Amino acid sequence: MGWMSALLLIEQVLNGLQSGIMLFLMAAGLTLIFGVMGLINLAHGSLYMIGAFAAAAVAGATGSFVLALAASLVAAAAAGAVIEVAVIRRLYDRDHLDQVLATFALILILSEGTRWVFGSFPLYLDVPAALAGPVTLPGGIQYPAYRLLIIVVGLLVAAGLFLLIARTRIGIQIRAGESDREMIAALGVDISRLYTLVFALGAALAGLAGALVGAIQSVQVGMGEPVLILAFVVIVIGGIGSIKGALVGALLVGLTDTLGGVLLPLALSGVMEASAATSVGSALASMSIYILMAIVLIFRPTGLYGTA
C-alpha cells in the first residue's frame, strides 16, 4: 500500500508540473504584456482559444500534429498583432477601467466570431500516435508520453524566454520598456513596433498552450476564460512583469491544485464518509490556490519576484 501511495504521489506531482507548465505559457505572455504596456488584457484567454481551434482545424485537414502546433502559433500571433494595432493601441493612455471594458468586449467578439467560423460543437485534436502510449519512468512509473512532452516543451519555452529577455537586443528593449517607455522612445526605439511584437509574442504563447491542451480536452468556445483566471492568480503570486515569477508561480499553482485534489480527500476520508470526503476535499482543493495567493500577498505584496 505504501509503494502504491508513493507511485500515486509521484504521478500527481507530474500532473501538477504539467498543469503548471500550461499555466506558465498563458501567464508568461500576460505578464509581459502587463509589465511592458501596463495593459490589463482580459482577451488573452480568447487568444488561447484561437490557438486551440487553429490547431484542431489544421490537424483535421492535414493529419500533422507538428503543422497544427505551427498553425496555433501563427494564428494566435497574427490575431494578437491585429488586435494590438486595431484596438489595444488606443488604450495605452486610458485608465484600467477602459482597458477592462474594451478587452471584455473583445472576448465577446472573438467568441462569437469563433462560433460563426467553427460552429458551436467541440472539436477534437488527437494525440500523435507516437505519443499516445505511456512511458516507463524510473521506479516502474507509467506516465503518458504526451504529458511528458508538454512538460519538456514548456521548460524549453521558459529557457528560450529567459534567453530572449536577458541576452538579446529585443530583450533589452523589453526590459527598458518596463522601466521607462518614454526614455526608450526618445532614444529612437520604435515603441509601437515593440508593443506589437510583445503582444504578438504573448498571444503566440497563449495559442501554443491552447493547442497543447486541445489534445487532452475538447476544443470549444469559451475554453480560455477559466485558464485566464488561473493565469492572473499566477502573475499575482509570481510578481507582475517577471518571467521567473510566472514560472515559479505557475508551478506552485499547478502543484497546489493537483496535489490538493488528491491529498485533501485522502486526509478527510478518516473522519467522514468517502463520498463526503471527496466532495469536501475537492472544494477545499479549489480554494487552496486562492489561499496560497492570499498568503503570498500578506508577506510579499508585490509577489515573489515582483517590484513595486
Protein backbone atom coordinates (compact mmCIF):
# COMPACT_ATOMS: atom_id res chain seq x y z
CA MET A 1 0.00 0.00 0.00
CA GLY A 2 2.83 2.37 0.85
CA TRP A 3 4.51 1.74 -2.53
CA MET A 4 1.24 2.32 -4.36
CA SER A 5 0.74 5.56 -2.44
CA ALA A 6 4.23 6.70 -3.42
CA LEU A 7 3.53 5.93 -7.08
CA LEU A 8 0.26 7.85 -6.88
CA LEU A 9 2.02 10.82 -5.29
CA ILE A 10 4.75 10.89 -7.96
CA GLU A 11 2.15 10.65 -10.72
CA GLN A 12 0.20 13.55 -9.23
CA VAL A 13 3.37 15.63 -8.89
CA LEU A 14 3.98 15.09 -12.63
CA ASN A 15 0.37 16.06 -13.33
CA GLY A 16 0.90 19.19 -11.25
CA LEU A 17 4.05 20.05 -13.20
CA GLN A 18 2.21 19.58 -16.49
CA SER A 19 -0.65 21.78 -15.31
CA GLY A 20 1.81 24.40 -14.06
CA ILE A 21 3.70 24.46 -17.36
CA MET A 22 0.48 25.11 -19.26
CA LEU A 23 -0.36 27.96 -16.88
CA PHE A 24 3.14 29.35 -17.38
CA LEU A 25 2.64 29.56 -21.15
CA MET A 26 -0.51 31.60 -20.50
CA ALA A 27 0.88 33.70 -17.68
CA ALA A 28 4.22 34.48 -19.36
CA GLY A 29 2.54 36.34 -22.22
CA LEU A 30 0.10 38.02 -19.85
CA THR A 31 2.81 39.26 -17.52
CA LEU A 32 4.94 40.50 -20.42
CA ILE A 33 2.01 42.49 -21.81
CA PHE A 34 1.12 43.98 -18.43
CA GLY A 35 4.73 44.61 -17.44
CA VAL A 36 5.74 46.36 -20.67
CA MET A 37 2.46 48.03 -21.66
CA GLY A 38 0.66 48.40 -18.33
CA LEU A 39 -2.36 46.84 -20.05
CA ILE A 40 -4.96 44.59 -18.43
CA ASN A 41 -5.83 42.20 -21.26
CA LEU A 42 -8.93 40.14 -20.46
CA ALA A 43 -8.95 38.86 -24.06
CA HIS A 44 -5.79 36.81 -23.51
CA GLY A 45 -7.92 33.71 -22.94
CA SER A 46 -9.54 34.22 -26.35
CA LEU A 47 -6.09 34.01 -27.97
CA TYR A 48 -5.62 30.68 -26.16
CA MET A 49 -8.92 29.56 -27.71
CA ILE A 50 -7.90 30.76 -31.19
CA GLY A 51 -4.67 28.75 -30.99
CA ALA A 52 -6.61 25.63 -30.00
CA PHE A 53 -9.15 25.98 -32.81
CA ALA A 54 -6.45 26.70 -35.41
CA ALA A 55 -4.53 23.59 -34.32
CA ALA A 56 -7.64 21.40 -34.39
CA ALA A 57 -8.63 22.66 -37.85
CA VAL A 58 -5.17 22.16 -39.37
CA ALA A 59 -4.72 18.75 -37.74
CA GLY A 60 -8.09 17.67 -39.13
CA ALA A 61 -7.17 18.87 -42.62
CA THR A 62 -3.57 17.62 -42.79
CA GLY A 63 -3.25 14.95 -40.11
CA SER A 64 0.00 16.55 -38.95
CA PHE A 65 0.36 17.47 -35.29
CA VAL A 66 3.52 19.50 -35.97
CA LEU A 67 1.70 21.62 -38.54
CA ALA A 68 -1.14 22.00 -36.05
CA LEU A 69 1.23 23.43 -33.42
CA ALA A 70 2.77 25.76 -36.01
CA ALA A 71 -0.72 26.91 -37.03
CA SER A 72 -1.59 27.67 -33.41
CA LEU A 73 1.47 29.89 -33.07
CA VAL A 74 0.89 31.71 -36.34
CA ALA A 75 -2.87 32.16 -35.89
CA ALA A 76 -2.64 33.42 -32.32
CA ALA A 77 0.32 35.72 -33.06
CA ALA A 78 -1.43 37.15 -36.13
CA ALA A 79 -4.67 37.66 -34.20
CA GLY A 80 -2.70 39.32 -31.40
CA ALA A 81 -0.91 41.67 -33.78
CA VAL A 82 -4.18 42.68 -35.49
CA ILE A 83 -5.90 43.24 -32.13
CA GLU A 84 -2.99 45.33 -30.86
CA VAL A 85 -2.91 47.55 -33.95
CA ALA A 86 -6.67 47.89 -34.34
CA VAL A 87 -7.83 48.16 -30.72
CA ILE A 88 -5.23 47.90 -27.98
CA ARG A 89 -3.00 50.70 -29.31
CA ARG A 90 -5.77 53.17 -28.50
CA LEU A 91 -5.96 52.07 -24.87
CA TYR A 92 -2.42 52.63 -23.57
CA ASP A 93 -3.14 56.13 -22.29
CA ARG A 94 -6.58 55.26 -20.94
CA ASP A 95 -7.29 54.14 -17.40
CA HIS A 96 -7.58 50.48 -16.45
CA LEU A 97 -11.39 50.53 -16.42
CA ASP A 98 -11.44 51.44 -20.12
CA GLN A 99 -8.93 48.65 -20.82
CA VAL A 100 -11.05 46.12 -18.94
CA LEU A 101 -14.24 47.12 -20.76
CA ALA A 102 -12.59 47.12 -24.20
CA THR A 103 -10.87 43.76 -23.75
CA PHE A 104 -14.04 42.25 -22.27
CA ALA A 105 -15.82 43.36 -25.45
CA LEU A 106 -13.08 41.59 -27.42
CA ILE A 107 -13.88 38.37 -25.55
CA LEU A 108 -17.49 38.54 -26.76
CA ILE A 109 -16.49 39.44 -30.33
CA LEU A 110 -13.85 36.72 -30.61
CA SER A 111 -16.08 34.08 -29.01
CA GLU A 112 -18.96 34.75 -31.36
CA GLY A 113 -16.59 35.04 -34.33
CA THR A 114 -15.07 31.66 -33.50
CA ARG A 115 -18.54 30.16 -33.09
CA TRP A 116 -19.51 31.58 -36.50
CA VAL A 117 -16.43 30.10 -38.22
CA PHE A 118 -16.20 26.70 -36.49
CA GLY A 119 -19.69 26.15 -35.15
CA SER A 120 -20.93 25.51 -31.62
CA PHE A 121 -19.85 21.88 -31.37
CA PRO A 122 -16.48 20.99 -29.80
CA LEU A 123 -13.57 19.95 -31.99
CA TYR A 124 -11.08 17.24 -31.06
CA LEU A 125 -7.33 17.20 -31.57
CA ASP A 126 -5.85 13.70 -31.47
CA VAL A 127 -2.61 12.96 -29.69
CA PRO A 128 0.05 11.79 -32.20
CA ALA A 129 0.27 8.00 -32.40
CA ALA A 130 3.92 8.05 -31.33
CA LEU A 131 2.95 9.85 -28.11
CA ALA A 132 -0.33 8.07 -27.39
CA GLY A 133 1.11 5.44 -25.06
CA PRO A 134 2.79 5.59 -21.68
CA VAL A 135 6.48 5.93 -20.90
CA THR A 136 8.10 3.87 -18.17
CA LEU A 137 9.95 6.15 -15.78
CA PRO A 138 12.50 5.09 -13.13
CA GLY A 139 10.78 3.10 -10.43
CA GLY A 140 8.38 1.49 -12.89
CA ILE A 141 6.06 4.50 -13.09
CA GLN A 142 3.85 4.52 -16.19
CA TYR A 143 3.15 8.07 -17.33
CA PRO A 144 1.60 9.35 -20.61
CA ALA A 145 4.26 10.31 -23.13
CA TYR A 146 2.24 13.28 -24.37
CA ARG A 147 2.05 14.84 -20.91
CA LEU A 148 5.81 14.45 -20.56
CA LEU A 149 6.18 16.20 -23.92
CA ILE A 150 4.12 19.13 -22.60
CA ILE A 151 6.47 19.45 -19.61
CA VAL A 152 9.56 19.34 -21.83
CA VAL A 153 8.15 21.83 -24.35
CA GLY A 154 7.16 24.21 -21.58
CA LEU A 155 10.60 24.09 -19.98
CA LEU A 156 12.24 24.70 -23.37
CA VAL A 157 9.95 27.69 -23.97
CA ALA A 158 10.80 29.02 -20.50
CA ALA A 159 14.53 28.71 -21.23
CA GLY A 160 14.04 30.44 -24.59
CA LEU A 161 12.14 33.30 -22.97
CA PHE A 162 14.83 33.78 -20.34
CA LEU A 163 17.48 33.94 -23.06
CA LEU A 164 15.35 36.29 -25.16
CA ILE A 165 14.80 38.71 -22.28
CA ALA A 166 18.32 38.54 -20.87
CA ARG A 167 20.62 38.11 -23.89
CA THR A 168 19.09 39.76 -26.97
CA ARG A 169 18.64 43.32 -28.16
CA ILE A 170 14.88 42.88 -28.24
CA GLY A 171 15.03 41.63 -24.67
CA ILE A 172 16.95 44.73 -23.61
CA GLN A 173 14.29 46.92 -25.22
CA ILE A 174 11.52 44.96 -23.49
CA ARG A 175 13.19 45.35 -20.10
CA ALA A 176 13.80 49.04 -20.77
CA GLY A 177 10.17 49.44 -21.79
CA GLU A 178 9.10 48.06 -18.43
CA SER A 179 11.14 50.71 -16.65
CA ASP A 180 10.76 53.86 -18.77
CA ARG A 181 8.90 53.68 -22.08
CA GLU A 182 9.29 57.44 -22.74
CA MET A 183 13.06 57.24 -22.48
CA ILE A 184 13.50 54.35 -24.90
CA ALA A 185 11.16 56.10 -27.35
CA ALA A 186 13.37 59.21 -27.05
CA LEU A 187 16.42 57.03 -27.79
CA GLY A 188 14.98 56.06 -31.17
CA VAL A 189 13.25 52.75 -30.40
CA ASP A 190 10.03 52.32 -32.37
CA ILE A 191 7.79 51.84 -29.35
CA SER A 192 4.72 50.99 -31.44
CA ARG A 193 6.53 48.16 -33.21
CA LEU A 194 7.94 46.93 -29.88
CA TYR A 195 4.46 46.84 -28.36
CA THR A 196 3.07 44.94 -31.35
CA LEU A 197 5.92 42.42 -31.11
CA VAL A 198 5.43 41.88 -27.38
CA PHE A 199 1.67 41.49 -27.80
CA ALA A 200 2.12 39.02 -30.67
CA LEU A 201 4.68 37.03 -28.64
CA GLY A 202 2.33 36.83 -25.67
CA ALA A 203 -0.52 35.79 -27.98
CA ALA A 204 1.63 33.08 -29.61
CA LEU A 205 2.46 31.59 -26.20
CA ALA A 206 -1.24 31.52 -25.30
CA GLY A 207 -2.07 29.92 -28.65
CA LEU A 208 0.58 27.24 -28.13
CA ALA A 209 -0.85 26.46 -24.70
CA GLY A 210 -4.32 26.12 -26.20
CA ALA A 211 -3.06 23.76 -28.90
CA LEU A 212 -1.22 21.55 -26.42
CA VAL A 213 -4.21 21.32 -24.10
CA GLY A 214 -6.53 20.73 -27.04
CA ALA A 215 -5.16 17.21 -27.39
CA ILE A 216 -6.13 16.45 -23.77
CA GLN A 217 -9.56 18.05 -23.62
CA SER A 218 -12.11 19.15 -26.21
CA VAL A 219 -11.62 22.42 -28.11
CA GLN A 220 -14.65 24.64 -27.59
CA VAL A 221 -15.75 28.26 -27.44
CA GLY A 222 -15.04 29.85 -24.06
CA MET A 223 -12.33 27.39 -23.07
CA GLY A 224 -9.82 30.16 -22.36
CA GLU A 225 -11.64 32.09 -19.64
CA PRO A 226 -11.16 29.60 -16.73
CA VAL A 227 -7.46 29.33 -17.62
CA LEU A 228 -7.18 33.13 -17.77
CA ILE A 229 -8.39 33.41 -14.17
CA LEU A 230 -5.69 30.99 -13.03
CA ALA A 231 -3.11 32.89 -15.12
CA PHE A 232 -3.98 36.09 -13.25
CA VAL A 233 -3.50 34.22 -9.97
CA VAL A 234 -0.10 33.05 -11.23
CA ILE A 235 1.18 36.54 -12.08
CA VAL A 236 -0.09 37.93 -8.78
CA ILE A 237 1.81 35.21 -6.91
CA GLY A 238 4.95 35.43 -9.07
CA GLY A 239 5.03 39.19 -9.48
CA ILE A 240 3.86 41.31 -12.39
CA GLY A 241 6.40 41.62 -15.20
CA SER A 242 8.63 38.76 -14.04
CA ILE A 243 9.10 35.71 -16.29
CA LYS A 244 10.84 33.89 -13.43
CA GLY A 245 7.92 34.77 -11.19
CA ALA A 246 5.46 33.48 -13.79
CA LEU A 247 7.28 30.13 -13.94
CA VAL A 248 7.58 29.71 -10.17
CA GLY A 249 4.02 30.91 -9.58
CA ALA A 250 2.62 28.60 -12.26
CA LEU A 251 4.38 25.57 -10.83
CA LEU A 252 3.16 26.45 -7.32
CA VAL A 253 -0.42 26.83 -8.51
CA GLY A 254 -0.30 23.65 -10.61
CA LEU A 255 1.13 21.54 -7.79
CA THR A 256 -1.17 23.05 -5.15
CA ASP A 257 -4.29 22.46 -7.24
CA THR A 258 -3.37 18.92 -8.33
CA LEU A 259 -1.97 17.62 -5.06
CA GLY A 260 -4.74 19.27 -3.07
CA GLY A 261 -7.35 17.46 -5.15
CA VAL A 262 -5.77 14.11 -4.22
CA LEU A 263 -4.34 14.59 -0.73
CA LEU A 264 -7.21 16.52 0.88
CA PRO A 265 -9.89 13.86 0.16
CA LEU A 266 -7.48 11.19 1.44
CA ALA A 267 -6.86 13.18 4.62
CA LEU A 268 -10.57 13.69 5.20
CA SER A 269 -11.51 10.07 4.50
CA GLY A 270 -10.51 9.14 8.04
CA VAL A 271 -13.05 11.48 9.64
CA MET A 272 -16.03 11.28 7.26
CA GLU A 273 -17.61 9.05 4.64
CA ALA A 274 -15.74 8.55 1.39
CA SER A 275 -18.27 10.44 -0.77
CA ALA A 276 -18.36 13.39 1.64
CA ALA A 277 -14.56 13.40 1.90
CA THR A 278 -14.27 13.55 -1.88
CA SER A 279 -16.79 16.39 -2.15
CA VAL A 280 -15.35 18.49 0.69
CA GLY A 281 -11.75 17.74 -0.32
CA SER A 282 -12.40 18.82 -3.91
CA ALA A 283 -13.98 22.06 -2.72
CA LEU A 284 -11.04 22.79 -0.42
CA ALA A 285 -8.60 21.97 -3.22
CA SER A 286 -10.33 24.54 -5.46
CA MET A 287 -9.91 27.13 -2.69
CA SER A 288 -6.29 26.22 -1.97
CA ILE A 289 -4.73 28.21 -4.82
CA TYR A 290 -6.51 31.38 -3.67
CA ILE A 291 -5.43 30.73 -0.10
CA LEU A 292 -1.86 30.38 -1.43
CA MET A 293 -2.24 33.72 -3.24
CA ALA A 294 -3.51 35.41 -0.08
CA ILE A 295 -0.60 34.07 1.97
CA VAL A 296 1.94 35.27 -0.61
CA LEU A 297 0.36 38.73 -0.74
CA ILE A 298 0.39 39.06 3.04
CA PHE A 299 4.15 38.62 3.17
CA ARG A 300 5.09 39.80 -0.36
CA PRO A 301 2.51 42.36 -1.60
CA THR A 302 4.34 42.68 -4.95
CA GLY A 303 4.53 38.90 -5.45
CA LEU A 304 7.52 36.59 -5.09
CA TYR A 305 9.65 38.29 -7.75
CA GLY A 306 7.74 41.48 -8.47
CA THR A 307 8.95 45.03 -7.86
CA ALA A 308 6.98 47.95 -6.52
